[in-house]
Amino acid sequence: MMKMKTILISLMLGILFSFTCFAADGQLSFSDPSGNVGENITLNLKVKSDTPLSRADISLRYDGNALQFVSGTDTDGGAGTLRVHGSGDQSESNTLAYILEFKVLSAGTSTINVEKQEVYTQDESLLNLTHVGASTVTATGGEAEPAESASESASSETEESKEEKEETVNEGVKLTAKDKSITIMNPGSDVQVPAGFLESTIDVDGHQVKGWVWKAESDHQYIIIYGMNDAGDLNFYRYDLKEKTIQRYFQDPLEEEQKKNAESYPELLNRYDSLVGKFNTQFILSCVFGFLALLSVVLAAFLWQERNRLKRIIAFQKDNIGIDKKELRPNVEGISLKSFDKDEEKLDQTKMITSVRESLIEDDLEDEDLGATRAISVERREETKKKEEESEDTELEIEDL
């Protein structure tokens, strides 16, 4: 029984450990740095989980007018958009750490938000982030001192003026773009609209103008229009719907990669759903097979016990049958030769008496006076012979034994 219990426990533990674990959970958090205008600030980004992590791919959005990206761990981009992709610093257990450095351009409060994130564990499965934070950057300080004129800089080459100039450059500088106007045109059949955009319309001074918006976004921040500038050049332009500014459209590598990722997102989502479905099927099959295996072991143990019980019953019956046979068997060894000798003497005496009777009967039959009883005597003689023969047969059987 101890052996069977050990087998059952081992099987149950094997079934439990064979089940695949569900996706792990984690948290993405930021620090909230502060600094003065013109200074560099450091932003800490960390992803923590209860399982070892491999890498992350995180897209960040910030105010390009308030902050200027300088450098960062596994980070590239700029102009309001950053991409953090890589393994980062893994010196802390189950943590991916990234350090980003910005330069403060203007006073006030700005935020750095997560636009998209993908974090992978060591087995390349997606981490489920239960918390995705954001960073609040606080900048203090007034506007920058006006820079010295070019003539004054040229006339003074002293170290003091150089230091003052460098100090002025390090302060926040306001940038004012010149006014720009374009004439909206309809693109010809030979003009290719940038990939990933859908046709839309906007209202410009009461006129409905055709443009294109990014199809992966629901809350559109800008629209692309086709127009001609003052120099007569035709091109696509990006029109900021919030700040009402115009900029020549160009597709930077980061934006292009983000668009490709956005286009491939539905396919990845379908693959993820398919993998989840397969996992659920495997989990159900594992449970069924585990239950059947456990049931088989229990049934085998029950049959083993029944087999041993039947063997004990059969052995008990065989022992009882052997005893009965011994009781029914005659004790031949207990019969002595002396008893046979005595029986033979008695038999001889019986034979002598029988012969005398036969002679008397024959005499009676010859006597005429006994005629009435002759028939009865003959019948008695025949019965006597039969009894003698039966007794002889019994004696012979005893001798054979």
Protein backbone atom coordinates (compact mmCIF):
# COMPACT_ATOMS: atom_id res chain seq x y z
CA MET A 1 0.00 0.00 0.00
CA MET A 2 2.86 2.42 0.73
CA LYS A 3 4.20 1.83 -2.76
CA MET A 4 0.83 2.62 -4.33
CA LYS A 5 0.52 5.83 -2.26
CA THR A 6 3.97 6.95 -3.41
CA ILE A 7 3.03 6.37 -7.05
CA LEU A 8 -0.22 8.32 -6.65
CA ILE A 9 1.50 11.30 -4.99
CA SER A 10 4.23 11.39 -7.67
CA LEU A 11 1.65 11.30 -10.45
CA MET A 12 -0.42 14.11 -8.93
CA LEU A 13 2.65 16.30 -8.43
CA GLY A 14 3.73 15.67 -12.02
CA ILE A 15 0.30 16.72 -13.29
CA LEU A 16 0.36 19.91 -11.20
CA PHE A 17 3.86 20.91 -12.32
CA SER A 18 3.07 20.19 -15.99
CA PHE A 19 0.44 22.93 -16.17
CA THR A 20 1.56 26.14 -17.87
CA CYS A 21 1.55 29.26 -15.79
CA PHE A 22 -0.57 32.27 -16.69
CA ALA A 23 0.96 35.55 -17.86
CA ALA A 24 2.82 37.48 -15.16
CA ASP A 25 1.85 40.98 -14.03
CA GLY A 26 4.02 44.08 -13.74
CA GLN A 27 4.08 47.85 -13.26
CA LEU A 28 5.59 50.72 -15.26
CA SER A 29 6.49 53.79 -13.22
CA PHE A 30 8.29 57.14 -13.66
CA SER A 31 10.03 59.65 -11.46
CA ASP A 32 8.81 63.27 -11.34
CA PRO A 33 11.91 65.44 -11.92
CA SER A 34 12.12 69.20 -11.53
CA GLY A 35 14.66 71.84 -12.54
CA ASN A 36 15.30 75.33 -13.77
CA VAL A 37 15.01 76.58 -17.31
CA GLY A 38 18.17 75.76 -19.25
CA GLU A 39 19.20 72.95 -16.92
CA ASN A 40 19.26 69.24 -17.67
CA ILE A 41 16.95 66.98 -15.70
CA THR A 42 17.05 63.21 -15.27
CA LEU A 43 14.00 60.99 -15.66
CA ASN A 44 13.96 57.44 -14.25
CA LEU A 45 11.73 54.86 -15.93
CA LYS A 46 11.32 51.40 -14.36
CA VAL A 47 9.38 48.26 -15.19
CA LYS A 48 8.96 45.88 -12.23
CA SER A 49 7.48 42.41 -12.06
CA ASP A 50 7.54 39.24 -9.98
CA THR A 51 9.19 37.31 -12.80
CA PRO A 52 12.50 37.85 -14.68
CA LEU A 53 12.17 40.33 -17.56
CA SER A 54 13.92 40.36 -20.92
CA ARG A 55 13.27 43.61 -22.80
CA ALA A 56 10.80 46.41 -23.40
CA ASP A 57 9.53 48.51 -26.30
CA ILE A 58 7.92 51.72 -25.00
CA SER A 59 6.82 54.81 -26.94
CA LEU A 60 6.71 58.11 -25.03
CA ARG A 61 5.04 61.41 -25.86
CA TYR A 62 6.18 64.76 -24.37
CA ASP A 63 5.89 68.49 -25.03
CA GLY A 64 8.68 69.42 -27.42
CA ASN A 65 8.27 73.11 -26.60
CA ALA A 66 8.92 72.54 -22.89
CA LEU A 67 11.56 69.80 -23.03
CA GLN A 68 14.41 68.83 -25.32
CA PHE A 69 15.61 65.23 -25.36
CA VAL A 70 19.37 64.91 -24.78
CA SER A 71 20.14 61.21 -24.26
CA GLY A 72 18.80 58.04 -22.69
CA THR A 73 19.32 54.33 -22.08
CA ASP A 74 18.29 52.41 -25.22
CA THR A 75 16.33 55.51 -26.28
CA ASP A 76 16.10 57.41 -29.54
CA GLY A 77 13.83 59.99 -31.12
CA GLY A 78 12.99 63.60 -30.37
CA ALA A 79 10.60 66.44 -31.27
CA GLY A 80 7.97 65.20 -28.83
CA THR A 81 8.25 61.45 -29.44
CA LEU A 82 10.68 58.92 -27.97
CA ARG A 83 11.12 55.19 -28.28
CA VAL A 84 12.67 53.20 -25.44
CA HIS A 85 13.56 49.74 -26.73
CA GLY A 86 16.08 47.34 -25.24
CA SER A 87 17.00 45.42 -22.12
CA GLY A 88 18.02 48.50 -20.09
CA ASP A 89 19.69 48.15 -16.71
CA GLN A 90 18.88 44.81 -15.05
CA SER A 91 21.05 45.17 -11.96
CA GLU A 92 17.92 45.14 -9.82
CA SER A 93 16.08 41.82 -9.62
CA ASN A 94 13.07 41.45 -11.97
CA THR A 95 13.41 45.09 -13.05
CA LEU A 96 14.20 46.94 -16.28
CA ALA A 97 15.57 50.43 -15.55
CA TYR A 98 16.08 53.28 -18.04
CA ILE A 99 17.52 56.77 -17.48
CA LEU A 100 16.48 59.63 -19.79
CA GLU A 101 17.97 63.13 -19.81
CA PHE A 102 16.09 66.23 -20.95
CA LYS A 103 16.88 69.90 -21.19
CA VAL A 104 14.28 72.30 -19.78
CA LEU A 105 13.26 74.88 -22.39
CA SER A 106 10.45 76.77 -20.65
CA ALA A 107 9.02 77.22 -17.19
CA GLY A 108 5.88 75.45 -16.14
CA THR A 109 4.58 71.93 -15.77
CA SER A 110 4.60 69.32 -18.51
CA THR A 111 3.90 65.60 -18.65
CA ILE A 112 5.55 62.62 -20.25
CA ASN A 113 3.02 59.92 -21.15
CA VAL A 114 3.21 56.36 -22.43
CA GLU A 115 1.73 56.08 -25.90
CA LYS A 116 2.39 52.39 -26.41
CA GLN A 117 4.22 49.68 -24.50
CA GLU A 118 5.28 46.06 -24.89
CA VAL A 119 7.29 44.33 -22.15
CA TYR A 120 8.57 40.75 -22.51
CA THR A 121 9.59 38.19 -19.90
CA GLN A 122 12.53 35.81 -20.17
CA ASP A 123 10.38 33.26 -22.03
CA GLU A 124 9.38 35.99 -24.57
CA SER A 125 5.79 36.20 -23.35
CA LEU A 126 4.06 39.58 -23.02
CA LEU A 127 3.94 41.08 -19.55
CA ASN A 128 0.53 42.23 -18.36
CA LEU A 129 1.01 45.74 -16.94
CA THR A 130 -1.50 46.41 -14.18
CA HIS A 131 -0.25 49.99 -13.74
CA VAL A 132 1.17 52.38 -16.35
CA GLY A 133 2.25 55.67 -14.83
CA ALA A 134 3.23 59.07 -16.22
CA SER A 135 5.86 61.66 -15.32
CA THR A 136 5.20 65.25 -14.30
CA VAL A 137 8.10 67.62 -14.99
CA THR A 138 8.19 70.91 -13.07
CA ALA A 139 10.40 73.70 -14.46
CA THR A 140 11.11 77.03 -12.76
CA GLY A 141 12.87 80.20 -13.93
CA GLY A 142 12.12 83.28 -16.08
CA GLU A 143 12.68 83.96 -19.70
CA ALA A 144 16.18 84.00 -21.12
CA GLU A 145 18.25 87.14 -21.22
CA PRO A 146 18.43 88.64 -24.76
CA ALA A 147 21.60 87.63 -26.57
CA GLU A 148 24.25 90.18 -27.47
CA SER A 149 24.24 91.54 -30.98
CA ALA A 150 26.63 90.21 -33.59
CA SER A 151 28.52 93.50 -33.78
CA GLU A 152 29.08 93.61 -30.02
CA SER A 153 30.27 90.02 -30.03
CA ALA A 154 32.68 90.72 -32.84
CA SER A 155 34.16 93.83 -31.17
CA SER A 156 34.71 92.11 -27.82
CA GLU A 157 36.83 88.97 -27.75
CA THR A 158 37.65 88.93 -24.09
CA GLU A 159 37.19 85.84 -21.95
CA GLU A 160 34.50 87.62 -19.98
CA SER A 161 32.36 88.20 -23.07
CA LYS A 162 32.87 84.58 -24.17
CA GLU A 163 31.79 83.27 -20.78
CA GLU A 164 28.78 85.59 -20.78
CA LYS A 165 27.83 84.41 -24.26
CA GLU A 166 28.12 80.75 -23.31
CA GLU A 167 26.04 81.40 -20.20
CA THR A 168 23.38 83.07 -22.34
CA VAL A 169 23.29 80.11 -24.74
CA ASN A 170 22.68 77.74 -21.84
CA GLU A 171 19.55 79.67 -20.85
CA GLY A 172 16.15 79.03 -22.40
CA VAL A 173 15.79 80.46 -25.86
CA LYS A 174 12.46 81.26 -27.45
CA LEU A 175 12.01 80.33 -31.07
CA THR A 176 9.49 82.21 -33.19
CA ALA A 177 8.62 80.77 -36.60
CA LYS A 178 7.78 83.07 -39.45
CA ASP A 179 4.28 83.14 -40.81
CA LYS A 180 3.66 80.67 -43.59
CA SER A 181 0.78 80.26 -45.95
CA ILE A 182 0.03 77.60 -48.55
CA THR A 183 -2.61 77.15 -51.20
CA ILE A 184 -4.50 73.88 -50.85
CA MET A 185 -4.50 71.83 -54.04
CA ASN A 186 -5.94 68.49 -55.14
CA PRO A 187 -3.21 65.91 -55.70
CA GLY A 188 -3.02 64.46 -59.18
CA SER A 189 -3.32 60.79 -60.02
CA ASP A 190 0.46 60.49 -60.05
CA VAL A 191 0.78 61.76 -56.45
CA GLN A 192 0.96 58.99 -53.87
CA VAL A 193 -0.65 59.64 -50.50
CA PRO A 194 1.56 58.56 -47.55
CA ALA A 195 0.78 55.05 -46.37
CA GLY A 196 -1.37 54.59 -43.29
CA PHE A 197 -3.61 57.64 -43.82
CA LEU A 198 -7.33 57.85 -44.51
CA GLU A 199 -9.11 60.63 -46.39
CA SER A 200 -10.92 63.19 -44.26
CA THR A 201 -12.13 66.80 -44.33
CA ILE A 202 -11.51 69.85 -42.15
CA ASP A 203 -13.14 73.25 -41.93
CA VAL A 204 -10.89 76.19 -42.91
CA ASP A 205 -12.61 79.57 -42.70
CA GLY A 206 -15.95 77.98 -43.50
CA HIS A 207 -14.59 75.90 -46.38
CA GLN A 208 -14.45 72.10 -46.37
CA VAL A 209 -10.91 71.05 -47.27
CA LYS A 210 -9.83 67.52 -48.13
CA GLY A 211 -7.00 66.00 -46.16
CA TRP A 212 -5.77 62.76 -44.65
CA VAL A 213 -5.61 61.56 -41.04
CA TRP A 214 -3.67 58.71 -39.45
CA LYS A 215 -6.03 55.72 -39.45
CA ALA A 216 -4.64 54.11 -36.28
CA GLU A 217 -5.68 57.08 -34.11
CA SER A 218 -9.17 57.89 -32.89
CA ASP A 219 -8.32 61.32 -31.44
CA HIS A 220 -6.56 63.03 -34.35
CA GLN A 221 -3.95 65.65 -33.46
CA TYR A 222 -3.03 66.69 -36.99
CA ILE A 223 -4.08 66.29 -40.62
CA ILE A 224 -2.06 66.07 -43.82
CA ILE A 225 -3.01 68.35 -46.70
CA TYR A 226 -1.60 68.79 -50.19
CA GLY A 227 -0.72 72.32 -51.22
CA MET A 228 1.61 74.82 -52.88
CA ASN A 229 3.83 77.25 -50.99
CA ASP A 230 4.78 80.80 -51.92
CA ALA A 231 7.66 79.52 -54.03
CA GLY A 232 5.32 77.38 -56.12
CA ASP A 233 6.48 74.04 -54.71
CA LEU A 234 3.87 71.29 -54.33
CA ASN A 235 4.12 69.04 -51.31
CA PHE A 236 2.25 67.49 -48.43
CA TYR A 237 1.99 69.59 -45.26
CA ARG A 238 1.18 68.68 -41.69
CA TYR A 239 -1.47 70.91 -40.15
CA ASP A 240 -1.64 70.87 -36.33
CA LEU A 241 -5.33 70.92 -35.42
CA LYS A 242 -4.62 72.20 -31.90
CA GLU A 243 -1.99 74.91 -32.40
CA LYS A 244 -3.04 75.79 -35.98
CA THR A 245 0.53 75.53 -37.31
CA ILE A 246 1.78 74.28 -40.66
CA GLN A 247 4.89 72.21 -41.29
CA ARG A 248 6.17 70.43 -44.34
CA TYR A 249 5.32 66.77 -44.00
CA PHE A 250 8.13 64.27 -43.80
CA GLN A 251 8.15 60.77 -42.39
CA ASP A 252 10.88 60.29 -39.81
CA PRO A 253 12.18 56.74 -39.15
CA LEU A 254 10.57 56.56 -35.71
CA GLU A 255 7.16 57.54 -37.01
CA GLU A 256 7.47 55.12 -39.90
CA GLU A 257 8.31 52.29 -37.54
CA GLN A 258 5.42 53.25 -35.27
CA LYS A 259 3.07 53.19 -38.21
CA LYS A 260 4.31 49.77 -39.24
CA ASN A 261 3.83 48.54 -35.70
CA ALA A 262 0.33 49.99 -35.63
CA GLU A 263 -0.50 48.28 -38.92
CA SER A 264 0.81 44.96 -37.67
CA TYR A 265 -0.98 45.31 -34.33
CA PRO A 266 -4.24 43.64 -35.49
CA GLU A 267 -2.25 40.69 -36.81
CA LEU A 268 -0.33 40.44 -33.54
CA LEU A 269 -3.60 40.66 -31.63
CA ASN A 270 -5.06 37.81 -33.69
CA ARG A 271 -1.95 35.73 -33.09
CA TYR A 272 -2.18 36.46 -29.39
CA ASP A 273 -5.83 35.42 -29.32
CA SER A 274 -4.93 32.27 -31.22
CA LEU A 275 -2.16 31.44 -28.74
CA VAL A 276 -4.52 32.06 -25.82
CA GLY A 277 -7.08 29.75 -27.43
CA LYS A 278 -4.45 27.04 -27.92
CA PHE A 279 -3.29 27.44 -24.35
CA ASN A 280 -6.84 27.10 -23.04
CA THR A 281 -7.33 23.98 -25.16
CA GLN A 282 -4.06 22.48 -23.91
CA PHE A 283 -5.00 23.33 -20.35
CA ILE A 284 -8.37 21.60 -20.68
CA LEU A 285 -6.78 18.55 -22.33
CA SER A 286 -4.13 18.40 -19.60
CA CYS A 287 -6.85 18.45 -16.95
CA VAL A 288 -8.76 15.68 -18.74
CA PHE A 289 -5.68 13.51 -19.24
CA GLY A 290 -4.60 14.12 -15.66
CA PHE A 291 -8.02 13.08 -14.37
CA LEU A 292 -8.00 9.96 -16.57
CA ALA A 293 -4.49 9.06 -15.41
CA LEU A 294 -5.50 9.50 -11.78
CA LEU A 295 -8.64 7.44 -12.35
CA SER A 296 -6.57 4.69 -14.01
CA VAL A 297 -4.20 4.53 -11.06
CA VAL A 298 -7.08 4.34 -8.57
CA LEU A 299 -8.75 1.61 -10.65
CA ALA A 300 -5.48 -0.33 -10.89
CA ALA A 301 -5.05 -0.14 -7.11
CA PHE A 302 -8.63 -1.36 -6.59
CA LEU A 303 -8.16 -4.29 -8.99
CA TRP A 304 -4.88 -5.17 -7.28
CA GLN A 305 -6.62 -5.37 -3.91
CA GLU A 306 -9.47 -7.45 -5.36
CA ARG A 307 -6.96 -9.83 -6.93
CA ASN A 308 -5.20 -10.38 -3.61
CA ARG A 309 -8.54 -10.92 -1.86
CA LEU A 310 -9.60 -13.55 -4.42
CA LYS A 311 -6.26 -15.32 -4.08
CA ARG A 312 -6.75 -15.55 -0.32
CA ILE A 313 -10.29 -16.92 -0.77
CA ILE A 314 -9.10 -19.57 -3.27
CA ALA A 315 -6.25 -20.63 -0.98
CA PHE A 316 -8.66 -20.95 1.95
CA GLN A 317 -11.06 -23.10 -0.09
CA LYS A 318 -8.21 -25.35 -1.25
CA ASP A 319 -7.15 -25.93 2.35
CA ASN A 320 -10.70 -26.91 3.40
CA ILE A 321 -11.12 -29.31 0.43
CA GLY A 322 -7.81 -30.99 1.29
CA ILE A 323 -8.98 -31.63 4.86
CA ASP A 324 -12.29 -33.14 3.65
CA LYS A 325 -10.46 -35.50 1.29
CA LYS A 326 -8.23 -36.71 4.08
CA GLU A 327 -11.28 -37.46 6.27
CA LEU A 328 -13.03 -39.45 3.50
CA ARG A 329 -9.95 -41.52 2.61
CA PRO A 330 -9.98 -45.00 4.35
CA ASN A 331 -7.18 -45.72 6.79
CA VAL A 332 -5.60 -48.63 4.95
CA GLU A 333 -2.52 -48.61 7.12
CA GLY A 334 -4.67 -49.19 10.24
CA ILE A 335 -5.89 -52.54 8.88
CA SER A 336 -3.59 -55.33 10.17
CA LEU A 337 -2.91 -58.72 8.62
CA LYS A 338 -4.13 -60.41 11.77
CA SER A 339 -7.63 -59.15 11.17
CA PHE A 340 -7.53 -60.68 7.70
CA ASP A 341 -6.42 -64.02 9.18
CA LYS A 342 -9.29 -63.97 11.63
CA ASP A 343 -11.73 -63.18 8.86
CA GLU A 344 -10.42 -66.08 6.82
CA GLU A 345 -10.95 -68.50 9.71
CA LYS A 346 -14.52 -67.23 10.10
CA LEU A 347 -15.02 -67.66 6.38
CA ASP A 348 -13.84 -71.25 6.50
CA GLN A 349 -16.23 -71.99 9.30
CA THR A 350 -19.04 -70.39 7.30
CA LYS A 351 -18.19 -72.55 4.32
CA MET A 352 -18.29 -75.69 6.45
CA ILE A 353 -21.73 -74.80 7.82
CA THR A 354 -22.96 -74.08 4.34
CA SER A 355 -21.79 -77.44 3.04
CA VAL A 356 -23.54 -79.23 5.94
CA ARG A 357 -26.74 -77.38 5.16
CA GLU A 358 -26.54 -78.36 1.51
CA SER A 359 -26.10 -82.01 2.42
CA LEU A 360 -29.07 -81.86 4.77
CA ILE A 361 -31.21 -80.20 2.17
CA GLU A 362 -30.28 -82.85 -0.41
CA ASP A 363 -31.26 -85.56 2.08
CA ASP A 364 -34.55 -83.81 2.65
CA LEU A 365 -35.24 -83.63 -1.02
CA GLU A 366 -34.63 -87.35 -1.38
CA ASP A 367 -37.02 -88.10 1.47
CA GLU A 368 -40.53 -88.68 0.15
CA ASP A 369 -42.08 -87.68 3.45
CA LEU A 370 -40.84 -84.18 3.08
CA GLY A 371 -42.33 -83.62 -0.34
CA ALA A 372 -44.48 -80.71 0.77
CA THR A 373 -41.53 -78.74 2.05
CA ARG A 374 -39.10 -79.45 -0.78
CA ALA A 375 -40.08 -76.49 -2.86
CA ILE A 376 -39.64 -74.14 0.08
CA SER A 377 -36.26 -75.66 0.90
CA VAL A 378 -35.05 -75.14 -2.65
CA GLU A 379 -36.02 -71.49 -2.57
CA ARG A 380 -34.28 -71.01 0.77
CA ARG A 381 -31.19 -72.70 -0.57
CA GLU A 382 -31.03 -70.35 -3.52
CA GLU A 383 -31.43 -67.30 -1.28
CA THR A 384 -28.70 -68.60 0.97
CA LYS A 385 -26.35 -69.01 -1.98
CA LYS A 386 -26.95 -65.47 -3.10
CA LYS A 387 -26.21 -64.10 0.35
CA GLU A 388 -23.04 -66.16 0.53
CA GLU A 389 -21.91 -64.89 -2.84
CA GLU A 390 -22.53 -61.29 -1.78
CA SER A 391 -20.57 -61.83 1.42
CA GLU A 392 -17.70 -63.34 -0.58
CA ASP A 393 -17.66 -60.34 -2.90
CA THR A 394 -17.50 -57.99 0.09
CA GLU A 395 -14.63 -59.96 1.57
CA LEU A 396 -12.74 -59.85 -1.70
CA GLU A 397 -13.13 -56.08 -1.88
CA ILE A 398 -11.75 -55.79 1.64
CA GLU A 399 -8.80 -57.98 0.66
CA ASP A 400 -8.12 -55.76 -2.33
CA LEU A 401 -7.99 -52.74 -0.06
